[in-house]
C-alpha atoms as a PDB file:
ATOM      1  CA  UNK A   1      -0.121  -0.067  -0.002  1.00  0.00           C
ATOM      2  CA  UNK A   2       1.455   3.353  -1.067  1.00  0.00           C
ATOM      3  CA  UNK A   3       2.110   5.989   1.503  1.00  0.00           C
ATOM      4  CA  UNK A   4      -1.034   8.041   0.296  1.00  0.00           C
ATOM      5  CA  UNK A   5      -3.147   4.952   0.490  1.00  0.00           C
ATOM      6  CA  UNK A   6      -2.259   4.432   4.125  1.00  0.00           C
ATOM      7  CA  UNK A   7      -2.660   8.167   5.003  1.00  0.00           C
ATOM      8  CA  UNK A   8      -6.211   8.030   3.328  1.00  0.00           C
ATOM      9  CA  UNK A   9      -7.283   4.698   4.586  1.00  0.00           C
ATOM     10  CA  UNK A  10      -7.135   6.339   8.283  1.00  0.00           C
ATOM     11  CA  UNK A  11     -10.195   8.380   7.369  1.00  0.00           C
ATOM     12  CA  UNK A  12     -13.350   6.365   7.707  1.00  0.00           C
ATOM     13  CA  UNK A  13     -15.150   8.506   5.166  1.00  0.00           C
ATOM     14  CA  UNK A  14     -12.723   7.668   2.630  1.00  0.00           C
ATOM     15  CA  UNK A  15     -12.609   4.104   0.785  1.00  0.00           C
ATOM     16  CA  UNK A  16      -9.011   3.634  -0.677  1.00  0.00           C
ATOM     17  CA  UNK A  17      -8.573   1.285  -3.413  1.00  0.00           C
ATOM     18  CA  UNK A  18      -5.460   0.560  -5.225  1.00  0.00           C
ATOM     19  CA  UNK A  19      -4.714  -0.612  -8.752  1.00  0.00           C
ATOM     20  CA  UNK A  20      -2.819  -3.936  -9.334  1.00  0.00           C
ATOM     21  CA  UNK A  21       0.894  -3.689 -10.166  1.00  0.00           C
ATOM     22  CA  UNK A  22       1.023  -3.279 -13.992  1.00  0.00           C
ATOM     23  CA  UNK A  23      -2.736  -2.739 -14.350  1.00  0.00           C
ATOM     24  CA  UNK A  24      -3.708  -0.186 -16.692  1.00  0.00           C
ATOM     25  CA  UNK A  25      -5.222   3.136 -15.173  1.00  0.00           C
ATOM     26  CA  UNK A  26      -8.258   3.021 -17.063  1.00  0.00           C
ATOM     27  CA  UNK A  27      -8.899  -0.541 -16.441  1.00  0.00           C
ATOM     28  CA  UNK A  28      -8.450   0.049 -12.542  1.00  0.00           C
ATOM     29  CA  UNK A  29     -10.768   3.088 -12.762  1.00  0.00           C
ATOM     30  CA  UNK A  30     -13.149   0.945 -14.698  1.00  0.00           C
ATOM     31  CA  UNK A  31     -13.078  -2.049 -12.100  1.00  0.00           C
ATOM     32  CA  UNK A  32     -13.404   0.687  -9.086  1.00  0.00           C
ATOM     33  CA  UNK A  33     -15.384   3.468 -10.454  1.00  0.00           C
ATOM     34  CA  UNK A  34     -13.734   5.919  -8.082  1.00  0.00           C
ATOM     35  CA  UNK A  35     -14.913   9.536  -7.556  1.00  0.00           C
ATOM     36  CA  UNK A  36     -11.434  10.462  -7.786  1.00  0.00           C
ATOM     37  CA  UNK A  37      -8.378   9.174  -8.886  1.00  0.00           C
ATOM     38  CA  UNK A  38      -5.112   9.804  -7.062  1.00  0.00           C
ATOM     39  CA  UNK A  39      -1.861   9.083  -9.390  1.00  0.00           C
ATOM     40  CA  UNK A  40       1.524   9.045  -7.346  1.00  0.00           C
ATOM     41  CA  UNK A  41       4.587   8.867  -9.787  1.00  0.00           C
ATOM     42  CA  UNK A  42       8.225   9.675  -9.122  1.00  0.00           C
ATOM     43  CA  UNK A  43       9.247  10.635 -12.793  1.00  0.00           C
ATOM     44  CA  UNK A  44       6.904  11.948 -15.047  1.00  0.00           C
ATOM     45  CA  UNK A  45       6.663   9.755 -18.002  1.00  0.00           C
ATOM     46  CA  UNK A  46       4.972   9.433 -21.369  1.00  0.00           C
ATOM     47  CA  UNK A  47       3.167   6.257 -20.493  1.00  0.00           C
ATOM     48  CA  UNK A  48       1.459   7.620 -17.584  1.00  0.00           C
ATOM     49  CA  UNK A  49       0.591  10.665 -19.697  1.00  0.00           C
ATOM     50  CA  UNK A  50      -1.035   8.511 -22.279  1.00  0.00           C
ATOM     51  CA  UNK A  51      -2.861   6.302 -19.486  1.00  0.00           C
ATOM     52  CA  UNK A  52      -4.280   9.588 -18.185  1.00  0.00           C
ATOM     53  CA  UNK A  53      -5.407  10.689 -21.630  1.00  0.00           C
ATOM     54  CA  UNK A  54      -7.165   7.435 -22.539  1.00  0.00           C
ATOM     55  CA  UNK A  55      -8.727   7.793 -18.992  1.00  0.00           C
ATOM     56  CA  UNK A  56      -9.860  11.267 -19.854  1.00  0.00           C
ATOM     57  CA  UNK A  57     -11.495  10.137 -23.080  1.00  0.00           C
ATOM     58  CA  UNK A  58     -13.113   6.980 -21.859  1.00  0.00           C
ATOM     59  CA  UNK A  59     -14.105   7.702 -18.256  1.00  0.00           C
ATOM     60  CA  UNK A  60     -13.534  11.167 -17.134  1.00  0.00           C
ATOM     61  CA  UNK A  61     -12.863  11.360 -13.558  1.00  0.00           C
ATOM     62  CA  UNK A  62     -11.280  14.118 -10.883  1.00  0.00           C
ATOM     63  CA  UNK A  63      -7.447  13.013 -11.234  1.00  0.00           C
ATOM     64  CA  UNK A  64      -4.913  14.183  -8.776  1.00  0.00           C
ATOM     65  CA  UNK A  65      -1.516  13.866  -9.796  1.00  0.00           C
ATOM     66  CA  UNK A  66       1.614  13.852  -7.550  1.00  0.00           C
ATOM     67  CA  UNK A  67       5.029  13.766  -8.920  1.00  0.00           C
ATOM     68  CA  UNK A  68       8.607  14.074  -7.601  1.00  0.00           C
ATOM     69  CA  UNK A  69       9.972  16.480 -10.299  1.00  0.00           C
ATOM     70  CA  UNK A  70       8.852  19.507 -11.858  1.00  0.00           C
ATOM     71  CA  UNK A  71       8.343  19.273 -15.435  1.00  0.00           C
ATOM     72  CA  UNK A  72       6.601  22.028 -17.373  1.00  0.00           C
ATOM     73  CA  UNK A  73       5.863  20.307 -20.420  1.00  0.00           C
ATOM     74  CA  UNK A  74       4.673  17.133 -18.741  1.00  0.00           C
ATOM     75  CA  UNK A  75       2.305  19.378 -16.536  1.00  0.00           C
ATOM     76  CA  UNK A  76       0.753  20.851 -19.561  1.00  0.00           C
ATOM     77  CA  UNK A  77       0.243  17.358 -21.083  1.00  0.00           C
ATOM     78  CA  UNK A  78      -1.308  15.990 -17.808  1.00  0.00           C
ATOM     79  CA  UNK A  79      -3.771  19.018 -17.636  1.00  0.00           C
ATOM     80  CA  UNK A  80      -4.592  18.628 -21.411  1.00  0.00           C
ATOM     81  CA  UNK A  81      -5.225  14.997 -20.432  1.00  0.00           C
ATOM     82  CA  UNK A  82      -7.524  15.812 -17.630  1.00  0.00           C
ATOM     83  CA  UNK A  83      -5.663  16.192 -14.674  1.00  0.00           C
ATOM     84  CA  UNK A  84      -7.126  18.741 -12.247  1.00  0.00           C
ATOM     85  CA  UNK A  85      -4.474  18.984  -9.479  1.00  0.00           C
ATOM     86  CA  UNK A  86      -0.841  18.729 -10.311  1.00  0.00           C
ATOM     87  CA  UNK A  87       1.308  18.708  -7.355  1.00  0.00           C
ATOM     88  CA  UNK A  88       5.045  18.544  -6.908  1.00  0.00           C
ATOM     89  CA  UNK A  89       6.824  17.382  -4.230  1.00  0.00           C
ATOM     90  CA  UNK A  90       5.635  15.764  -1.017  1.00  0.00           C
ATOM     91  CA  UNK A  91       2.501  17.269   0.569  1.00  0.00           C
ATOM     92  CA  UNK A  92       1.439  17.376   4.387  1.00  0.00           C
ATOM     93  CA  UNK A  93      -1.018  14.570   5.063  1.00  0.00           C
ATOM     94  CA  UNK A  94      -3.398  16.992   6.340  1.00  0.00           C
ATOM     95  CA  UNK A  95      -3.549  18.743   3.239  1.00  0.00           C
ATOM     96  CA  UNK A  96      -4.178  15.605   1.056  1.00  0.00           C
ATOM     97  CA  UNK A  97      -8.143  15.650   1.617  1.00  0.00           C
ATOM     98  CA  UNK A  98      -8.492  19.167   0.771  1.00  0.00           C
ATOM     99  CA  UNK A  99      -6.791  18.789  -2.278  1.00  0.00           C
ATOM    100  CA  UNK A 100      -8.785  15.729  -3.183  1.00  0.00           C
ATOM    101  CA  UNK A 101     -12.025  17.683  -2.404  1.00  0.00           C
ATOM    102  CA  UNK A 102     -10.670  20.752  -4.504  1.00  0.00           C
ATOM    103  CA  UNK A 103     -10.177  18.464  -7.251  1.00  0.00           C
ATOM    104  CA  UNK A 104     -13.604  17.049  -7.258  1.00  0.00           C
ATOM    105  CA  UNK A 105     -15.167  20.399  -7.070  1.00  0.00           C
ATOM    106  CA  UNK A 106     -12.752  21.819 -10.108  1.00  0.00           C
ATOM    107  CA  UNK A 107     -13.697  18.800 -12.099  1.00  0.00           C
ATOM    108  CA  UNK A 108     -17.356  19.049 -11.306  1.00  0.00           C
ATOM    109  CA  UNK A 109     -17.283  22.682 -12.579  1.00  0.00           C
ATOM    110  CA  UNK A 110     -15.345  21.746 -15.510  1.00  0.00           C
ATOM    111  CA  UNK A 111     -17.822  18.978 -16.454  1.00  0.00           C
ATOM    112  CA  UNK A 112     -20.873  21.487 -15.925  1.00  0.00           C
ATOM    113  CA  UNK A 113     -18.957  24.042 -18.480  1.00  0.00           C
ATOM    114  CA  UNK A 114     -18.512  21.258 -20.932  1.00  0.00           C
ATOM    115  CA  UNK A 115     -22.025  20.194 -20.865  1.00  0.00           C
ATOM    116  CA  UNK A 116     -23.139  23.902 -21.156  1.00  0.00           C
ATOM    117  CA  UNK A 117     -20.938  24.317 -24.082  1.00  0.00           C
ATOM    118  CA  UNK A 118     -22.009  21.069 -25.803  1.00  0.00           C
ATOM    119  CA  UNK A 119     -25.735  22.111 -25.277  1.00  0.00           C
ATOM    120  CA  UNK A 120     -25.125  25.512 -26.750  1.00  0.00           C
ATOM    121  CA  UNK A 121     -23.136  24.046 -29.611  1.00  0.00           C
ATOM    122  CA  UNK A 122     -26.007  21.690 -30.217  1.00  0.00           C
ATOM    123  CA  UNK A 123     -28.659  24.591 -30.180  1.00  0.00           C
ATOM    124  CA  UNK A 124     -26.531  26.659 -32.540  1.00  0.00           C
ATOM    125  CA  UNK A 125     -26.188  23.878 -35.084  1.00  0.00           C
ATOM    126  CA  UNK A 126     -30.147  23.341 -34.785  1.00  0.00           C
ATOM    127  CA  UNK A 127     -30.600  27.259 -35.131  1.00  0.00           C
ATOM    128  CA  UNK A 128     -28.307  26.906 -38.291  1.00  0.00           C
ATOM    129  CA  UNK A 129     -30.300  24.168 -39.842  1.00  0.00           C
ATOM    130  CA  UNK A 130     -33.668  26.269 -39.331  1.00  0.00           C
ATOM    131  CA  UNK A 131     -32.087  29.206 -40.928  1.00  0.00           C
ATOM    132  CA  UNK A 132     -30.861  27.426 -43.906  1.00  0.00           C
ATOM    133  CA  UNK A 133     -34.271  25.575 -44.170  1.00  0.00           C
ATOM    134  CA  UNK A 134     -35.964  29.077 -43.842  1.00  0.00           C
ATOM    135  CA  UNK A 135     -33.587  30.568 -46.578  1.00  0.00           C
ATOM    136  CA  UNK A 136     -34.420  27.393 -48.752  1.00  0.00           C
ATOM    137  CA  UNK A 137     -38.329  28.000 -48.292  1.00  0.00           C
ATOM    138  CA  UNK A 138     -37.927  31.698 -48.903  1.00  0.00           C
ATOM    139  CA  UNK A 139     -36.251  31.197 -52.416  1.00  0.00           C
ATOM    140  CA  UNK A 140     -38.518  28.476 -53.393  1.00  0.00           C
ATOM    141  CA  UNK A 141     -41.680  29.862 -52.648  1.00  0.00           C
ATOM    142  CA  UNK A 142     -40.958  33.476 -52.558  1.00  0.00           C
ATOM    143  CA  UNK A 143     -41.753  33.987 -48.722  1.00  0.00           C
ATOM    144  CA  UNK A 144     -40.500  36.598 -46.444  1.00  0.00           C
ATOM    145  CA  UNK A 145     -38.560  35.250 -43.333  1.00  0.00           C
ATOM    146  CA  UNK A 146     -41.658  35.310 -41.109  1.00  0.00           C
ATOM    147  CA  UNK A 147     -43.788  33.333 -43.516  1.00  0.00           C
ATOM    148  CA  UNK A 148     -41.103  30.722 -44.067  1.00  0.00           C
ATOM    149  CA  UNK A 149     -40.502  30.601 -40.383  1.00  0.00           C
ATOM    150  CA  UNK A 150     -44.105  29.959 -39.750  1.00  0.00           C
ATOM    151  CA  UNK A 151     -44.432  27.342 -42.384  1.00  0.00           C
ATOM    152  CA  UNK A 152     -41.433  25.533 -40.909  1.00  0.00           C
ATOM    153  CA  UNK A 153     -43.321  25.813 -37.508  1.00  0.00           C
ATOM    154  CA  UNK A 154     -46.519  24.509 -38.837  1.00  0.00           C
ATOM    155  CA  UNK A 155     -45.301  21.687 -40.875  1.00  0.00           C
ATOM    156  CA  UNK A 156     -43.255  20.615 -37.868  1.00  0.00           C
ATOM    157  CA  UNK A 157     -46.363  20.725 -35.558  1.00  0.00           C
ATOM    158  CA  UNK A 158     -48.303  18.793 -38.354  1.00  0.00           C
ATOM    159  CA  UNK A 159     -45.704  15.966 -38.438  1.00  0.00           C
ATOM    160  CA  UNK A 160     -45.034  15.874 -34.564  1.00  0.00           C
ATOM    161  CA  UNK A 161     -41.376  17.050 -35.301  1.00  0.00           C
ATOM    162  CA  UNK A 162     -39.185  19.726 -33.565  1.00  0.00           C
ATOM    163  CA  UNK A 163     -38.533  22.647 -35.840  1.00  0.00           C
ATOM    164  CA  UNK A 164     -34.822  21.513 -36.257  1.00  0.00           C
ATOM    165  CA  UNK A 165     -35.885  18.081 -37.332  1.00  0.00           C
ATOM    166  CA  UNK A 166     -38.338  19.476 -39.848  1.00  0.00           C
ATOM    167  CA  UNK A 167     -35.597  21.696 -41.099  1.00  0.00           C
ATOM    168  CA  UNK A 168     -33.313  18.900 -41.598  1.00  0.00           C
ATOM    169  CA  UNK A 169     -36.243  16.996 -43.595  1.00  0.00           C
ATOM    170  CA  UNK A 170     -36.713  19.988 -45.704  1.00  0.00           C
ATOM    171  CA  UNK A 171     -33.141  20.362 -46.582  1.00  0.00           C
ATOM    172  CA  UNK A 172     -32.941  16.436 -47.176  1.00  0.00           C
ATOM    173  CA  UNK A 173     -35.744  16.957 -49.573  1.00  0.00           C
ATOM    174  CA  UNK A 174     -34.137  19.635 -51.333  1.00  0.00           C
ATOM    175  CA  UNK A 175     -30.782  17.749 -51.693  1.00  0.00           C
ATOM    176  CA  UNK A 176     -32.720  14.718 -53.299  1.00  0.00           C
ATOM    177  CA  UNK A 177     -34.488  16.913 -55.705  1.00  0.00           C
ATOM    178  CA  UNK A 178     -31.011  18.720 -56.595  1.00  0.00           C
ATOM    179  CA  UNK A 179     -29.500  15.280 -57.075  1.00  0.00           C
ATOM    180  CA  UNK A 180     -32.229  14.082 -59.185  1.00  0.00           C
ATOM    181  CA  UNK A 181     -32.246  17.218 -61.198  1.00  0.00           C
ATOM    182  CA  UNK A 182     -28.539  16.663 -61.900  1.00  0.00           C
ATOM    183  CA  UNK A 183     -29.412  13.420 -63.418  1.00  0.00           C
ATOM    184  CA  UNK A 184     -31.864  14.279 -65.740  1.00  0.00           C
ATOM    185  CA  UNK A 185     -29.646  17.057 -67.220  1.00  0.00           C
END
């Protein structure tokens, strides 16, 4: 058991699990499903960085990293891979729990920001589809923008679709027509 594991195991509120020697980090996280991952390495190395990157892609978690040597390039790579707390040198045992709690809070904040960004990007993509469909309706049927918008909304309601779904359908129909017209020319 590592020094960190022994220090943390004393606290009844914390369950400490450790990976089997040689086990991939992502496999250990998959097996234990921890709230926070503590990685303690003597020398920063590229294999550890790749393991952190794979973990961040497949099973994002709050990751706290302790290293013995300062390496600015490795730190930048670790943070890019999802590490939320990068610590150099020994840390007093009393400070470990606040570091873990802080990492979990930062991770939660980052996840909330990622989800909000994803939702905003999705809304923007939907808005762009709707605008493109309205432009098509305006050109094809000589409608004003409000008329094209109303028509899109009405057709969506009649077919039980959301406006962006109806816009996508309108554009698919237009692409099909364009492709069939190319074939007849």
